[in-house]
Amino acid sequence: MRLCKIMRKGKLDYAEVLGLSDTPTGVKARLKFPDGTRDLVSTTKIRMLQDKDLDALGVGKLSRKLMGV
């Protein structure tokens, strides 16, 4: 599971990246938000989170292993 951050409705939000799609208008990411909604957004509008970013958010290595990250 990959996580990203995105500005949505004027606030910072986090989402799970389900996959990438190549469209005629460019590469888009399929996202699933914590409230269960899904969206298809341009990859230029998201920032992928790496291990050091998740550590800063307080998501430990054991939690990531259990989540499959």
Protein backbone atom coordinates (compact mmCIF):
# COMPACT_ATOMS: atom_id res chain seq x y z
CA MET A 1 0.00 0.00 0.00
CA ARG A 2 1.34 3.41 -0.95
CA LEU A 3 0.25 6.60 0.77
CA CYS A 4 0.23 10.14 -0.57
CA LYS A 5 -0.80 13.60 0.53
CA ILE A 6 -3.01 15.93 -1.48
CA MET A 7 -4.64 19.32 -1.06
CA ARG A 8 -8.38 18.63 -1.26
CA LYS A 9 -11.12 21.19 -0.62
CA GLY A 10 -8.53 23.61 0.70
CA LYS A 11 -7.05 21.30 3.35
CA LEU A 12 -4.26 18.76 3.46
CA ASP A 13 -5.53 15.18 3.19
CA TYR A 14 -3.93 11.75 3.01
CA ALA A 15 -4.99 8.94 0.68
CA GLU A 16 -4.06 5.42 -0.36
CA VAL A 17 -2.81 5.10 -3.94
CA LEU A 18 -4.61 2.17 -5.55
CA GLY A 19 -2.81 2.41 -8.88
CA LEU A 20 -1.83 4.51 -11.87
CA SER A 21 -3.72 4.95 -15.13
CA ASP A 22 -2.34 6.27 -18.40
CA THR A 23 -4.96 8.54 -19.97
CA PRO A 24 -4.87 10.78 -23.06
CA THR A 25 -4.48 13.80 -20.75
CA GLY A 26 -1.56 12.27 -18.80
CA VAL A 27 -0.86 9.82 -15.99
CA LYS A 28 -3.48 9.79 -13.24
CA ALA A 29 -3.52 8.16 -9.82
CA ARG A 30 -6.50 6.27 -8.42
CA LEU A 31 -6.88 7.36 -4.79
CA LYS A 32 -8.93 6.05 -1.88
CA PHE A 33 -9.54 8.50 0.96
CA PRO A 34 -10.11 7.61 4.64
CA ASP A 35 -13.84 8.39 4.33
CA GLY A 36 -14.13 5.67 1.65
CA THR A 37 -14.48 7.96 -1.36
CA ARG A 38 -12.33 7.38 -4.44
CA ASP A 39 -11.01 9.80 -7.01
CA LEU A 40 -8.84 9.91 -10.12
CA VAL A 41 -6.35 12.81 -9.99
CA SER A 42 -3.32 13.93 -11.93
CA THR A 43 -0.03 12.68 -10.50
CA THR A 44 1.29 16.26 -10.48
CA LYS A 45 -1.22 17.12 -7.71
CA ILE A 46 -0.07 14.48 -5.22
CA ARG A 47 3.08 13.85 -3.19
CA MET A 48 4.06 10.29 -2.40
CA LEU A 49 5.07 9.60 1.21
CA GLN A 50 8.26 7.67 1.94
CA ASP A 51 9.28 5.80 5.10
CA LYS A 52 10.81 8.89 6.73
CA ASP A 53 7.58 10.83 6.11
CA LEU A 54 5.50 8.07 7.69
CA ASP A 55 7.84 8.00 10.71
CA ALA A 56 7.28 11.74 11.14
CA LEU A 57 3.51 11.14 11.09
CA GLY A 58 3.89 8.55 13.83
CA VAL A 59 3.20 5.47 11.71
CA GLY A 60 5.70 2.90 13.03
CA LYS A 61 7.41 0.09 11.14
CA LEU A 62 5.20 -2.57 12.73
CA SER A 63 2.05 -0.68 11.72
CA ARG A 64 3.32 -0.37 8.15
CA LYS A 65 4.14 -4.08 8.06
CA LEU A 66 0.65 -4.95 9.25
CA MET A 67 -0.91 -2.53 6.70
CA GLY A 68 1.28 -3.92 3.91
CA VAL A 69 3.19 -0.68 3.30
